[in-house]
Amino acid sequence: MSWQIITGLAGGVGLFLLGMELMTDGLKLSAGKSLQRILRSSTSTPLRGVLSGALITSLVQSSSAVTVATIGFVNAGLLKLKHAIRVAYGSNLGTTMTGWLVAIIGFHVNLKAFALPAIGVGMLMTLLIQNGRYAAIGKVIAGFGLFFLGIDMMKAGFEGLEGVISLEAIEEGGLLSLIIFIAVGFVMTLMMQSSSAAIAITLTAAAGGVITIASAACMVIGANVGTTSTAVIAAIGATPNARRMAAGHVIFNVITGVAALLLLPLLLFGINWFQAFSGMDGGPATFLALFHTTFNLMGVLLLWPFTGRLVKFLKRLFVAAEEDEAQPKFLDNTLIGTPQLAHEALVKELQRIQAIAIRMAEDAINTEASLSPRLKVDLEVLHKLSDAVGLFCSKLRSQGLPEEIADALPMALASMRYFIDVAEMAEEIDQLQSKEVTGVFQELEEALADMRRQAIAILEDVRQSPSSEESLARESAAIAALENNYNAIKAQLLRAGATGKLTARHMVSLIELMKNIERQASHCVKGQATLQLFSQQSVDDAKPEYGVETEQEQAAEQADVSELTRDEVVEDALPVESEYSEKN
């Protein structure tokens, strides 16, 4: 074998890859925002999602780039997973455009006569216009020139190999030979990180007579599966959404590849018949381009009806920590028929909600740096849990509960509402602390720090101490002291604002911040007291007549926590229960 042929092939592959990179980068730079708008706006229906994926991939000549971009849109919440999966379907169709370019232009045009001027014009534009869209278009033109010049060199190289390399032994190996050629296509794509390059090499090798059509078809299947490697690499260590998208891409390509292999004789026969019937005659390259398009289209039609199930499977397969935390741990529909067990499950789930809310409150008060992303995730977890609790209570209501349990449900929802308020105030505190609330004089700074410590001590006491008359009384006294401290700091802030020590904006921000901290601790104790009332209610309790204090009411009154009597708790909770009943 001549070294000239080998170096020609290597140079052709290198020029092809360089051209592909220039085209992809140039197209993304010149039309990046437009492509993003297409992805965001053109996925409203399943068909539009597939077509937009195919169109964008055809333009940028890289299904991997489109898939990685789609993963980013899913992570940013701009695309739902089911829409992104359909974009991936379309990107596999779009990547077949490379084969058609090679088949239609690469073997019917004097490539050097076209490629060399394109390289010259494109690079001249890039050099003369340093920035902007036209410089990117220059890269695209030069990339196209290199792309076709590389094809021309590969074509010449493979024509020189005809009769020099004999693959008859492999090609006559039956199913094993087909698997070997699939593996070759896969490895080529994996090494070059470009299925387009692997397919171009395969088409030129088949056109040069180095491999048979059947072997080349298997290499195309392998290259099609190998293109998933980029998405898999991009998803390593990434978020669950990224892993879901990458897994969906792999599942589609693997199933498509397996189906193409199983139906290979039928597909080859069908394409032969279609070419003869339509009068299409372009040699092995056109045949393989048609084969590539046909089996990808077959994959889309095969998986289209199962996209919903695929999305559900992927969501179960990859679960984020926050998504797992957002799932109820104790609520189960099987408990609805047993009120006592359902009551206990609700108490435990509310205790989980309380723990997350206190965690958020302590984080917000303790940390002056912004915690917005983490608090936002935690708040989303609590909202999902609150929806689950509301739905569970609605289902319980419809089961003909004993009156004592039915009357206690509003207390469960009232308790939950207090804890959700605590969590929402944590987010407000974080936002206020990100504003100009620092830089105060030392006396005021010490007072603010002391109030923070007071609030944290109350939250810690609620978190660590079981609810009892003693703990409620202790926490009530601490709340009263915290409120007195807040009033004193508020007066100090107003004086500082009046004398010019603080700007009006600074003063208002600090007052609002301290008020939120005071309310947060107070709501936490109220939620604890209400949860105690609910947890101490059981199926066996006799229903008290309104106006007669129970032990729980006496404890709440002694604690002086907003005088949480049973009547007032129920009255405050009824609107909350109605809200959740309407939602669910």
Protein backbone atom coordinates (compact mmCIF):
# COMPACT_ATOMS: atom_id res chain seq x y z
CA MET A 1 0.00 0.00 0.00
CA SER A 2 1.41 3.39 -0.99
CA TRP A 3 2.16 5.89 1.76
CA GLN A 4 0.83 8.52 -0.62
CA ILE A 5 -2.61 6.89 -0.46
CA ILE A 6 -2.51 6.66 3.35
CA THR A 7 -1.40 10.27 3.83
CA GLY A 8 -3.99 11.38 1.27
CA LEU A 9 -6.74 9.61 3.22
CA ALA A 10 -5.51 11.05 6.54
CA GLY A 11 -5.30 14.53 5.06
CA GLY A 12 -8.76 14.19 3.53
CA VAL A 13 -10.27 13.18 6.88
CA GLY A 14 -8.46 16.08 8.58
CA LEU A 15 -9.67 18.63 6.04
CA PHE A 16 -13.21 17.25 6.29
CA LEU A 17 -13.21 17.55 10.11
CA LEU A 18 -11.71 21.05 9.97
CA GLY A 19 -14.34 22.09 7.43
CA MET A 20 -17.11 20.65 9.59
CA GLU A 21 -15.82 22.54 12.63
CA LEU A 22 -15.60 25.83 10.74
CA MET A 23 -19.08 25.38 9.28
CA THR A 24 -20.62 24.48 12.64
CA ASP A 25 -18.92 27.33 14.53
CA GLY A 26 -19.70 29.85 11.80
CA LEU A 27 -23.35 28.89 11.56
CA LYS A 28 -23.78 28.95 15.33
CA LEU A 29 -22.18 32.43 15.50
CA SER A 30 -24.11 33.86 12.56
CA ALA A 31 -27.48 32.43 13.49
CA GLY A 32 -27.09 31.35 17.12
CA LYS A 33 -29.88 33.49 18.55
CA SER A 34 -32.20 32.57 15.71
CA LEU A 35 -31.55 28.89 16.32
CA GLN A 36 -32.30 29.37 20.01
CA ARG A 37 -35.59 31.08 19.16
CA ILE A 38 -36.49 28.20 16.83
CA LEU A 39 -35.82 25.67 19.58
CA ARG A 40 -37.85 27.60 22.13
CA SER A 41 -40.81 28.48 19.92
CA SER A 42 -41.03 25.63 17.42
CA THR A 43 -41.66 22.72 19.75
CA SER A 44 -45.27 23.43 20.68
CA THR A 45 -46.47 20.35 18.79
CA PRO A 46 -44.70 16.97 18.41
CA LEU A 47 -44.34 17.34 14.64
CA ARG A 48 -42.91 20.85 14.91
CA GLY A 49 -40.41 19.60 17.50
CA VAL A 50 -39.12 16.90 15.14
CA LEU A 51 -39.02 19.28 12.16
CA SER A 52 -37.20 22.00 14.10
CA GLY A 53 -34.60 19.46 15.27
CA ALA A 54 -34.11 18.27 11.70
CA LEU A 55 -33.90 21.82 10.32
CA ILE A 56 -31.37 23.10 12.85
CA THR A 57 -29.16 20.02 12.51
CA SER A 58 -29.25 20.36 8.72
CA LEU A 59 -28.11 23.97 9.08
CA VAL A 60 -25.31 23.52 11.62
CA GLN A 61 -24.31 20.06 10.30
CA SER A 62 -23.91 18.64 13.81
CA SER A 63 -26.50 16.57 15.61
CA SER A 64 -24.19 16.50 18.65
CA ALA A 65 -24.16 20.30 18.87
CA VAL A 66 -27.95 20.42 18.64
CA THR A 67 -28.34 17.68 21.26
CA VAL A 68 -25.96 19.40 23.70
CA ALA A 69 -27.76 22.73 23.14
CA THR A 70 -31.10 21.02 23.74
CA ILE A 71 -29.77 19.60 27.02
CA GLY A 72 -28.95 23.17 28.05
CA PHE A 73 -32.47 24.36 27.22
CA VAL A 74 -33.98 21.52 29.26
CA ASN A 75 -31.77 22.40 32.24
CA ALA A 76 -32.74 26.06 31.97
CA GLY A 77 -36.43 25.15 31.92
CA LEU A 78 -36.92 26.53 28.41
CA LEU A 79 -37.88 23.12 27.01
CA LYS A 80 -39.84 20.29 28.55
CA LEU A 81 -38.23 16.88 28.38
CA LYS A 82 -40.84 15.43 26.03
CA HIS A 83 -40.29 18.31 23.59
CA ALA A 84 -36.51 17.91 23.83
CA ILE A 85 -36.75 14.18 23.09
CA ARG A 86 -38.64 14.97 19.89
CA VAL A 87 -35.97 17.52 18.94
CA ALA A 88 -33.46 14.67 19.33
CA TYR A 89 -35.58 12.58 16.95
CA GLY A 90 -35.40 15.39 14.42
CA SER A 91 -31.66 15.91 14.89
CA ASN A 92 -31.09 12.31 13.79
CA LEU A 93 -33.03 13.03 10.62
CA GLY A 94 -31.15 16.27 10.10
CA THR A 95 -27.75 14.62 10.37
CA THR A 96 -28.54 12.59 7.24
CA MET A 97 -28.06 15.81 5.25
CA THR A 98 -24.29 15.23 5.30
CA GLY A 99 -24.72 11.99 3.38
CA TRP A 100 -26.87 13.73 0.78
CA LEU A 101 -24.28 16.52 0.35
CA VAL A 102 -21.57 13.93 -0.19
CA ALA A 103 -23.74 11.87 -2.57
CA ILE A 104 -25.20 14.71 -4.64
CA ILE A 105 -22.28 17.14 -4.80
CA GLY A 106 -19.25 15.07 -3.84
CA PHE A 107 -19.50 12.68 -6.79
CA HIS A 108 -21.02 14.90 -9.49
CA VAL A 109 -19.06 18.16 -9.25
CA ASN A 110 -15.43 19.09 -9.84
CA LEU A 111 -14.81 19.61 -6.14
CA LYS A 112 -11.46 21.38 -6.41
CA ALA A 113 -12.91 23.90 -8.85
CA PHE A 114 -15.60 24.65 -6.29
CA ALA A 115 -13.71 24.15 -2.99
CA LEU A 116 -10.55 26.20 -3.54
CA PRO A 117 -12.34 29.49 -4.44
CA ALA A 118 -14.73 28.97 -1.53
CA ILE A 119 -11.80 28.59 0.89
CA GLY A 120 -10.15 31.72 -0.52
CA VAL A 121 -13.29 33.87 -0.40
CA GLY A 122 -14.31 32.63 3.03
CA MET A 123 -10.93 33.21 4.68
CA LEU A 124 -10.62 36.62 3.03
CA MET A 125 -13.98 37.62 4.56
CA THR A 126 -12.85 36.33 7.95
CA LEU A 127 -9.58 38.28 7.81
CA LEU A 128 -11.05 41.55 6.53
CA ILE A 129 -14.12 41.52 8.78
CA GLN A 130 -12.87 40.67 12.27
CA ASN A 131 -16.20 40.67 14.09
CA GLY A 132 -19.87 40.36 13.34
CA ARG A 133 -22.13 38.09 11.33
CA TYR A 134 -20.23 38.47 8.03
CA ALA A 135 -17.01 37.18 9.59
CA ALA A 136 -18.97 34.12 10.77
CA ILE A 137 -20.43 33.68 7.28
CA GLY A 138 -16.88 33.76 5.94
CA LYS A 139 -16.04 30.86 8.25
CA VAL A 140 -19.04 28.97 6.92
CA ILE A 141 -17.95 29.47 3.28
CA ALA A 142 -14.36 28.45 4.02
CA GLY A 143 -15.66 25.48 6.00
CA PHE A 144 -17.75 24.32 3.04
CA GLY A 145 -14.69 24.55 0.82
CA LEU A 146 -12.57 22.48 3.20
CA PHE A 147 -15.46 20.07 3.65
CA PHE A 148 -15.61 19.27 -0.08
CA LEU A 149 -11.85 19.37 -0.54
CA GLY A 150 -11.58 16.74 2.18
CA ILE A 151 -14.19 14.60 0.39
CA ASP A 152 -12.23 14.92 -2.85
CA MET A 153 -9.02 13.74 -1.17
CA MET A 154 -10.81 10.82 0.55
CA LYS A 155 -12.44 9.84 -2.74
CA ALA A 156 -9.05 9.78 -4.49
CA GLY A 157 -7.54 7.79 -1.64
CA PHE A 158 -10.23 5.12 -1.60
CA GLU A 159 -10.12 4.80 -5.39
CA GLY A 160 -6.44 3.98 -5.00
CA LEU A 161 -7.25 1.30 -2.44
CA GLU A 162 -9.65 -0.57 -4.73
CA GLY A 163 -8.23 -4.07 -5.25
CA VAL A 164 -5.36 -3.42 -2.81
CA ILE A 165 -7.36 -4.24 0.35
CA SER A 166 -9.46 -7.39 0.41
CA LEU A 167 -12.27 -7.63 2.96
CA GLU A 168 -13.87 -10.71 1.47
CA ALA A 169 -13.10 -12.88 4.53
CA ILE A 170 -14.83 -10.45 6.83
CA GLU A 171 -17.73 -9.74 4.48
CA GLU A 172 -18.52 -13.42 4.11
CA GLY A 173 -18.75 -13.94 7.86
CA GLY A 174 -22.53 -13.63 8.01
CA LEU A 175 -24.05 -11.90 11.05
CA LEU A 176 -20.66 -11.60 12.73
CA SER A 177 -19.30 -9.61 9.79
CA LEU A 178 -22.26 -7.22 9.99
CA ILE A 179 -21.62 -6.67 13.71
CA ILE A 180 -17.92 -6.05 13.00
CA PHE A 181 -18.73 -3.33 10.47
CA ILE A 182 -21.25 -1.76 12.88
CA ALA A 183 -18.48 -1.68 15.49
CA VAL A 184 -16.10 -0.07 12.98
CA GLY A 185 -18.62 2.70 12.28
CA PHE A 186 -19.20 3.20 16.00
CA VAL A 187 -15.47 3.40 16.82
CA MET A 188 -14.82 5.81 13.94
CA THR A 189 -17.50 8.16 15.27
CA LEU A 190 -16.27 7.80 18.84
CA MET A 191 -12.69 8.65 17.86
CA MET A 192 -13.54 11.60 15.60
CA GLN A 193 -16.59 12.75 17.63
CA SER A 194 -18.41 13.23 14.34
CA SER A 195 -20.86 10.81 12.79
CA SER A 196 -20.86 13.02 9.69
CA ALA A 197 -17.14 12.34 9.18
CA ALA A 198 -17.60 8.59 9.73
CA ILE A 199 -20.50 8.49 7.24
CA ALA A 200 -18.56 10.53 4.68
CA ILE A 201 -15.64 8.09 4.95
CA THR A 202 -18.06 5.18 4.61
CA LEU A 203 -19.74 6.65 1.53
CA THR A 204 -16.44 7.37 -0.20
CA ALA A 205 -15.12 3.89 0.68
CA ALA A 206 -18.24 2.27 -0.80
CA ALA A 207 -18.07 4.48 -3.87
CA GLY A 208 -14.41 3.51 -4.30
CA GLY A 209 -15.32 -0.17 -4.22
CA VAL A 210 -13.37 -0.90 -1.02
CA ILE A 211 -16.43 -2.25 0.84
CA THR A 212 -19.77 -3.65 -0.26
CA ILE A 213 -23.09 -1.86 0.10
CA ALA A 214 -24.23 -4.18 2.93
CA SER A 215 -21.00 -3.63 4.88
CA ALA A 216 -21.21 0.13 4.32
CA ALA A 217 -24.83 0.12 5.50
CA CYS A 218 -23.72 -1.53 8.75
CA MET A 219 -21.00 1.09 9.20
CA VAL A 220 -23.65 3.80 8.76
CA ILE A 221 -25.74 2.14 11.49
CA GLY A 222 -22.69 2.06 13.78
CA ALA A 223 -21.91 5.71 13.09
CA ASN A 224 -25.52 6.63 13.83
CA VAL A 225 -25.30 4.93 17.24
CA GLY A 226 -21.83 6.38 17.88
CA THR A 227 -23.10 9.94 17.59
CA THR A 228 -24.66 9.54 21.05
CA SER A 229 -21.18 9.53 22.63
CA THR A 230 -21.00 13.34 22.66
CA ALA A 231 -24.29 13.65 24.54
CA VAL A 232 -23.22 10.95 27.01
CA ILE A 233 -19.92 12.74 27.68
CA ALA A 234 -21.76 16.06 28.11
CA ALA A 235 -24.13 14.46 30.65
CA ILE A 236 -21.40 12.97 32.90
CA GLY A 237 -21.76 14.58 36.31
CA ALA A 238 -24.57 16.79 35.00
CA THR A 239 -28.10 17.32 36.32
CA PRO A 240 -30.80 14.63 36.11
CA ASN A 241 -32.42 16.50 33.21
CA ALA A 242 -29.18 16.34 31.24
CA ARG A 243 -28.83 12.63 31.97
CA ARG A 244 -32.46 12.03 30.97
CA MET A 245 -31.96 13.81 27.67
CA ALA A 246 -28.71 11.96 26.93
CA ALA A 247 -30.31 8.62 27.85
CA GLY A 248 -33.28 9.37 25.61
CA HIS A 249 -30.90 10.13 22.74
CA VAL A 250 -29.04 6.84 23.33
CA ILE A 251 -32.27 4.81 23.58
CA PHE A 252 -33.58 6.26 20.32
CA ASN A 253 -30.37 5.59 18.41
CA VAL A 254 -29.86 2.09 19.82
CA ILE A 255 -33.45 1.01 19.10
CA THR A 256 -33.21 2.53 15.62
CA GLY A 257 -29.90 0.75 15.00
CA VAL A 258 -31.22 -2.63 16.20
CA ALA A 259 -34.34 -2.29 14.05
CA ALA A 260 -32.22 -1.34 11.01
CA LEU A 261 -29.97 -4.38 11.54
CA LEU A 262 -32.90 -6.78 11.94
CA LEU A 263 -34.61 -5.40 8.84
CA LEU A 264 -31.39 -4.90 6.86
CA PRO A 265 -32.21 -7.28 3.95
CA LEU A 266 -35.71 -5.83 3.64
CA LEU A 267 -34.41 -2.24 3.75
CA LEU A 268 -31.73 -2.91 1.13
CA PHE A 269 -34.28 -4.61 -1.13
CA GLY A 270 -36.80 -1.79 -0.65
CA ILE A 271 -34.25 0.94 -1.46
CA ASN A 272 -33.12 -0.98 -4.56
CA TRP A 273 -36.74 -1.21 -5.69
CA PHE A 274 -37.39 2.48 -4.95
CA GLN A 275 -34.33 3.59 -6.93
CA ALA A 276 -35.34 1.43 -9.88
CA PHE A 277 -38.97 2.59 -9.71
CA SER A 278 -38.14 6.31 -9.37
CA GLY A 279 -35.25 6.31 -11.79
CA MET A 280 -32.89 7.60 -9.07
CA ASP A 281 -29.36 6.54 -9.93
CA GLY A 282 -26.45 7.96 -8.01
CA GLY A 283 -24.30 4.97 -7.24
CA PRO A 284 -23.41 3.58 -3.79
CA ALA A 285 -23.22 7.03 -2.14
CA THR A 286 -26.81 7.94 -3.04
CA PHE A 287 -27.98 4.47 -2.03
CA LEU A 288 -26.37 4.80 1.43
CA ALA A 289 -27.66 8.35 1.93
CA LEU A 290 -31.16 7.06 1.18
CA PHE A 291 -30.59 4.13 3.54
CA HIS A 292 -29.44 6.47 6.34
CA THR A 293 -32.52 8.67 5.95
CA THR A 294 -34.89 5.71 5.68
CA PHE A 295 -33.88 3.92 8.86
CA ASN A 296 -33.79 7.16 10.90
CA LEU A 297 -37.28 7.99 9.68
CA MET A 298 -38.30 4.45 10.59
CA GLY A 299 -36.90 5.03 14.11
CA VAL A 300 -38.98 8.19 14.52
CA LEU A 301 -42.15 6.39 13.42
CA LEU A 302 -41.32 3.45 15.68
CA LEU A 303 -40.76 5.48 18.87
CA TRP A 304 -43.27 8.28 18.22
CA PRO A 305 -46.24 6.52 19.93
CA PHE A 306 -44.10 5.63 22.97
CA THR A 307 -42.56 9.05 23.65
CA GLY A 308 -44.79 9.69 26.67
CA ARG A 309 -43.83 6.36 28.23
CA LEU A 310 -40.17 6.98 27.46
CA VAL A 311 -40.29 10.33 29.25
CA LYS A 312 -41.93 8.76 32.32
CA PHE A 313 -39.31 6.00 32.34
CA LEU A 314 -36.46 8.53 32.14
CA LYS A 315 -37.92 10.60 34.98
CA ARG A 316 -38.06 7.50 37.17
CA LEU A 317 -34.56 6.44 36.12
CA PHE A 318 -32.82 9.73 36.96
CA VAL A 319 -34.12 11.52 40.05
CA ALA A 320 -32.54 14.62 41.58
CA ALA A 321 -32.13 14.89 45.34
CA GLU A 322 -34.64 17.75 45.47
CA GLU A 323 -37.12 15.78 43.35
CA ASP A 324 -36.78 12.85 45.73
CA GLU A 325 -37.29 15.14 48.71
CA ALA A 326 -40.41 16.56 47.04
CA GLN A 327 -42.03 13.12 47.05
CA PRO A 328 -44.26 12.41 50.08
CA LYS A 329 -42.61 9.81 52.33
CA PHE A 330 -45.62 8.85 54.46
CA LEU A 331 -48.75 9.65 52.45
CA ASP A 332 -50.19 6.64 50.67
CA ASN A 333 -53.62 6.21 49.11
CA THR A 334 -53.91 2.79 50.74
CA LEU A 335 -54.13 4.53 54.14
CA ILE A 336 -57.21 6.56 53.22
CA GLY A 337 -59.54 3.74 54.22
CA THR A 338 -57.96 3.65 57.72
CA PRO A 339 -58.44 7.11 59.28
CA GLN A 340 -56.16 6.50 62.27
CA LEU A 341 -53.23 5.49 60.05
CA ALA A 342 -53.97 8.34 57.64
CA HIS A 343 -53.90 10.77 60.58
CA GLU A 344 -50.51 9.48 61.73
CA ALA A 345 -49.12 9.68 58.20
CA LEU A 346 -50.25 13.30 57.89
CA VAL A 347 -48.56 14.20 61.17
CA LYS A 348 -45.26 12.69 60.00
CA GLU A 349 -45.45 14.41 56.60
CA LEU A 350 -46.18 17.75 58.27
CA GLN A 351 -43.17 17.22 60.50
CA ARG A 352 -41.06 16.77 57.34
CA ILE A 353 -42.46 20.05 55.97
CA GLN A 354 -41.68 21.74 59.28
CA ALA A 355 -38.06 20.48 59.22
CA ILE A 356 -37.46 21.78 55.69
CA ALA A 357 -39.04 25.16 56.51
CA ILE A 358 -36.88 25.56 59.64
CA ARG A 359 -33.78 24.59 57.65
CA MET A 360 -34.58 27.30 55.12
CA ALA A 361 -35.23 29.87 57.86
CA GLU A 362 -31.95 29.15 59.64
CA ASP A 363 -30.01 29.29 56.37
CA ALA A 364 -31.54 32.64 55.44
CA ILE A 365 -30.97 34.25 58.85
CA ASN A 366 -27.47 32.84 59.39
CA THR A 367 -25.99 33.60 55.95
CA GLU A 368 -25.50 37.12 54.67
CA ALA A 369 -24.45 35.87 51.21
CA SER A 370 -27.27 35.17 48.81
CA LEU A 371 -28.67 31.63 48.86
CA SER A 372 -31.34 32.25 46.22
CA PRO A 373 -30.76 29.13 44.07
CA ARG A 374 -30.83 26.74 47.05
CA LEU A 375 -33.78 28.43 48.73
CA LYS A 376 -35.69 28.45 45.45
CA VAL A 377 -35.23 24.68 45.13
CA ASP A 378 -36.29 24.10 48.75
CA LEU A 379 -39.36 26.28 48.31
CA GLU A 380 -40.34 24.35 45.18
CA VAL A 381 -40.00 21.13 47.22
CA LEU A 382 -42.32 22.50 49.90
CA HIS A 383 -44.89 23.65 47.37
CA LYS A 384 -44.99 20.16 45.86
CA LEU A 385 -45.32 18.59 49.30
CA SER A 386 -48.08 21.02 50.23
CA ASP A 387 -49.97 20.09 47.06
CA ALA A 388 -49.61 16.40 48.00
CA VAL A 389 -50.89 17.06 51.53
CA GLY A 390 -53.82 19.08 50.19
CA LEU A 391 -54.74 16.31 47.74
CA PHE A 392 -54.48 13.67 50.48
CA CYS A 393 -56.76 15.70 52.77
CA SER A 394 -59.29 16.13 49.94
CA LYS A 395 -59.36 12.38 49.38
CA LEU A 396 -59.79 11.79 53.09
CA ARG A 397 -62.71 14.21 53.16
CA SER A 398 -64.51 12.16 50.51
CA GLN A 399 -64.29 8.94 52.53
CA GLY A 400 -66.93 9.69 55.17
CA LEU A 401 -64.47 10.26 58.03
CA PRO A 402 -65.38 10.21 61.72
CA GLU A 403 -66.30 13.74 62.77
CA GLU A 404 -63.32 14.13 65.08
CA ILE A 405 -60.85 13.44 62.25
CA ALA A 406 -62.81 15.51 59.71
CA ASP A 407 -62.82 18.47 62.11
CA ALA A 408 -59.08 18.08 62.69
CA LEU A 409 -58.08 18.28 59.00
CA PRO A 410 -58.29 22.10 58.84
CA MET A 411 -55.70 22.21 61.62
CA ALA A 412 -53.33 20.11 59.49
CA LEU A 413 -53.70 22.54 56.60
CA ALA A 414 -53.34 25.57 58.88
CA SER A 415 -50.12 24.14 60.32
CA MET A 416 -48.80 23.52 56.82
CA ARG A 417 -49.71 27.07 55.79
CA TYR A 418 -47.64 28.47 58.69
CA PHE A 419 -44.60 26.45 57.62
CA ILE A 420 -44.99 27.48 53.98
CA ASP A 421 -45.11 31.10 55.17
CA VAL A 422 -41.86 30.51 57.10
CA ALA A 423 -40.23 29.18 53.90
CA GLU A 424 -41.50 32.04 51.74
CA MET A 425 -40.23 34.57 54.28
CA ALA A 426 -36.82 32.86 54.12
CA GLU A 427 -36.71 33.70 50.43
CA GLU A 428 -37.80 37.29 51.16
CA ILE A 429 -35.08 37.62 53.82
CA ASP A 430 -32.49 36.36 51.35
CA GLN A 431 -33.61 38.91 48.76
CA LEU A 432 -33.51 41.74 51.31
CA GLN A 433 -30.02 40.76 52.45
CA SER A 434 -28.82 40.96 48.86
CA LYS A 435 -29.76 44.67 48.92
CA GLU A 436 -27.99 47.45 50.80
CA VAL A 437 -28.61 46.33 54.39
CA THR A 438 -25.02 46.36 55.64
CA GLY A 439 -22.68 49.15 56.61
CA VAL A 440 -24.52 50.32 59.75
CA PHE A 441 -22.94 51.85 62.86
CA GLN A 442 -21.60 49.45 65.51
CA GLU A 443 -24.36 49.84 68.10
CA LEU A 444 -27.06 49.03 65.57
CA GLU A 445 -25.02 46.19 64.06
CA GLU A 446 -24.75 44.54 67.48
CA ALA A 447 -28.51 44.91 68.06
CA LEU A 448 -29.27 43.34 64.67
CA ALA A 449 -26.89 40.43 65.35
CA ASP A 450 -28.49 39.90 68.77
CA MET A 451 -31.97 39.72 67.21
CA ARG A 452 -30.75 37.19 64.67
CA ARG A 453 -29.37 35.03 67.49
CA GLN A 454 -32.70 35.24 69.31
CA ALA A 455 -34.60 34.10 66.22
CA ILE A 456 -32.19 31.22 65.57
CA ALA A 457 -32.53 30.07 69.19
CA ILE A 458 -36.32 29.93 68.82
CA LEU A 459 -36.09 27.99 65.55
CA GLU A 460 -33.62 25.55 67.12
CA ASP A 461 -35.90 25.06 70.11
CA VAL A 462 -38.87 24.30 67.85
CA ARG A 463 -36.77 21.90 65.78
CA GLN A 464 -35.24 20.00 68.66
CA SER A 465 -37.93 20.03 71.37
CA PRO A 466 -41.05 17.86 71.21
CA SER A 467 -44.22 19.92 71.34
CA SER A 468 -45.53 20.21 74.89
CA GLU A 469 -47.05 22.72 77.28
CA GLU A 470 -43.60 23.48 78.66
CA SER A 471 -41.96 23.99 75.26
CA LEU A 472 -44.86 26.13 74.01
CA ALA A 473 -44.65 28.33 77.09
CA ARG A 474 -40.88 28.70 76.69
CA GLU A 475 -41.15 29.50 72.98
CA SER A 476 -43.98 31.96 73.62
CA ALA A 477 -41.84 33.85 76.11
CA ALA A 478 -38.98 33.90 73.60
CA ILE A 479 -41.31 35.25 70.90
CA ALA A 480 -42.45 38.03 73.23
CA ALA A 481 -38.83 38.95 73.95
CA LEU A 482 -38.01 38.87 70.22
CA GLU A 483 -40.96 41.17 69.47
CA ASN A 484 -39.84 43.63 72.15
CA ASN A 485 -36.33 43.56 70.71
CA TYR A 486 -37.72 44.19 67.21
CA ASN A 487 -39.73 47.20 68.44
CA ALA A 488 -36.63 48.63 70.11
CA ILE A 489 -34.52 48.13 66.94
CA LYS A 490 -37.28 49.61 64.81
CA ALA A 491 -37.32 52.76 66.96
CA GLN A 492 -33.52 52.92 66.73
CA LEU A 493 -33.69 52.60 62.93
CA LEU A 494 -36.33 55.32 62.66
CA ARG A 495 -34.14 57.68 64.73
CA ALA A 496 -31.12 56.83 62.55
CA GLY A 497 -33.16 57.60 59.45
CA ALA A 498 -34.46 60.87 60.88
CA THR A 499 -30.97 62.08 61.88
CA GLY A 500 -29.38 61.11 58.58
CA LYS A 501 -27.26 58.24 59.91
CA LEU A 502 -29.07 55.95 57.45
CA THR A 503 -30.66 56.69 54.11
CA ALA A 504 -34.42 56.24 53.91
CA ARG A 505 -34.00 53.22 51.59
CA HIS A 506 -31.45 51.63 53.90
CA MET A 507 -33.68 52.21 56.93
CA VAL A 508 -36.80 50.75 55.27
CA SER A 509 -34.88 47.68 54.04
CA LEU A 510 -33.53 46.97 57.53
CA ILE A 511 -36.94 47.39 59.17
CA GLU A 512 -38.51 45.05 56.63
CA LEU A 513 -35.69 42.52 57.10
CA MET A 514 -36.00 42.48 60.89
CA LYS A 515 -39.80 42.29 60.72
CA ASN A 516 -39.56 39.23 58.46
CA ILE A 517 -37.16 37.55 60.88
CA GLU A 518 -39.52 38.24 63.80
CA ARG A 519 -42.58 37.01 61.87
CA GLN A 520 -40.68 33.96 60.69
CA ALA A 521 -39.93 32.81 64.24
CA SER A 522 -43.49 33.61 65.33
CA HIS A 523 -45.06 31.65 62.46
CA CYS A 524 -42.80 28.72 63.18
CA VAL A 525 -44.06 28.54 66.78
CA LYS A 526 -47.67 28.97 65.63
CA GLY A 527 -47.22 26.15 63.16
CA GLN A 528 -45.76 23.97 65.91
CA ALA A 529 -48.70 24.72 68.23
CA THR A 530 -51.25 23.99 65.50
CA LEU A 531 -49.47 20.77 64.56
CA GLN A 532 -49.59 19.76 68.23
CA LEU A 533 -53.35 20.27 68.30
CA PHE A 534 -53.73 18.14 65.18
CA SER A 535 -51.36 15.40 66.33
CA GLN A 536 -53.11 15.04 69.69
CA GLN A 537 -56.48 14.56 68.01
CA SER A 538 -57.33 10.90 67.36
CA VAL A 539 -60.25 8.81 66.18
CA ASP A 540 -61.01 7.76 69.74
CA ASP A 541 -61.18 11.33 71.08
CA ALA A 542 -64.61 12.59 71.93
CA LYS A 543 -65.56 15.61 69.94
CA PRO A 544 -65.66 18.60 72.34
CA GLU A 545 -68.40 21.11 72.11
CA TYR A 546 -67.25 24.51 70.98
CA GLY A 547 -66.70 26.91 73.83
CA VAL A 548 -65.37 24.18 76.15
CA GLU A 549 -61.59 24.22 76.37
CA THR A 550 -59.68 20.99 75.79
CA GLU A 551 -56.24 20.30 77.25
CA GLN A 552 -54.70 21.25 73.95
CA GLU A 553 -56.52 24.60 73.95
CA GLN A 554 -55.40 25.27 77.49
CA ALA A 555 -51.79 24.55 76.54
CA ALA A 556 -51.99 26.90 73.56
CA GLU A 557 -53.60 29.61 75.67
CA GLN A 558 -51.00 29.24 78.42
CA ALA A 559 -48.32 29.55 75.77
CA ASP A 560 -50.03 32.73 74.57
CA VAL A 561 -49.31 31.86 70.95
CA SER A 562 -51.88 34.12 69.32
CA GLU A 563 -54.47 32.46 71.62
CA LEU A 564 -54.67 29.36 69.41
CA THR A 565 -57.95 27.88 70.63
CA ARG A 566 -59.59 25.08 68.69
CA ASP A 567 -62.36 27.35 67.36
CA GLU A 568 -59.85 29.95 66.11
CA VAL A 569 -57.60 27.35 64.49
CA VAL A 570 -60.54 25.80 62.65
CA GLU A 571 -61.86 29.22 61.63
CA ASP A 572 -58.43 30.29 60.32
CA ALA A 573 -57.89 26.97 58.56
CA LEU A 574 -61.21 26.69 56.72
CA PRO A 575 -60.18 29.11 53.91
CA VAL A 576 -56.92 27.17 53.56
CA GLU A 577 -58.79 23.86 53.30
CA SER A 578 -61.13 25.38 50.72
CA GLU A 579 -58.13 26.57 48.69
CA TYR A 580 -56.62 23.09 48.58
CA SER A 581 -59.95 21.44 47.85
CA GLU A 582 -60.44 23.69 44.82
CA LYS A 583 -56.86 23.09 43.62
CA ASN A 584 -57.09 19.31 43.89
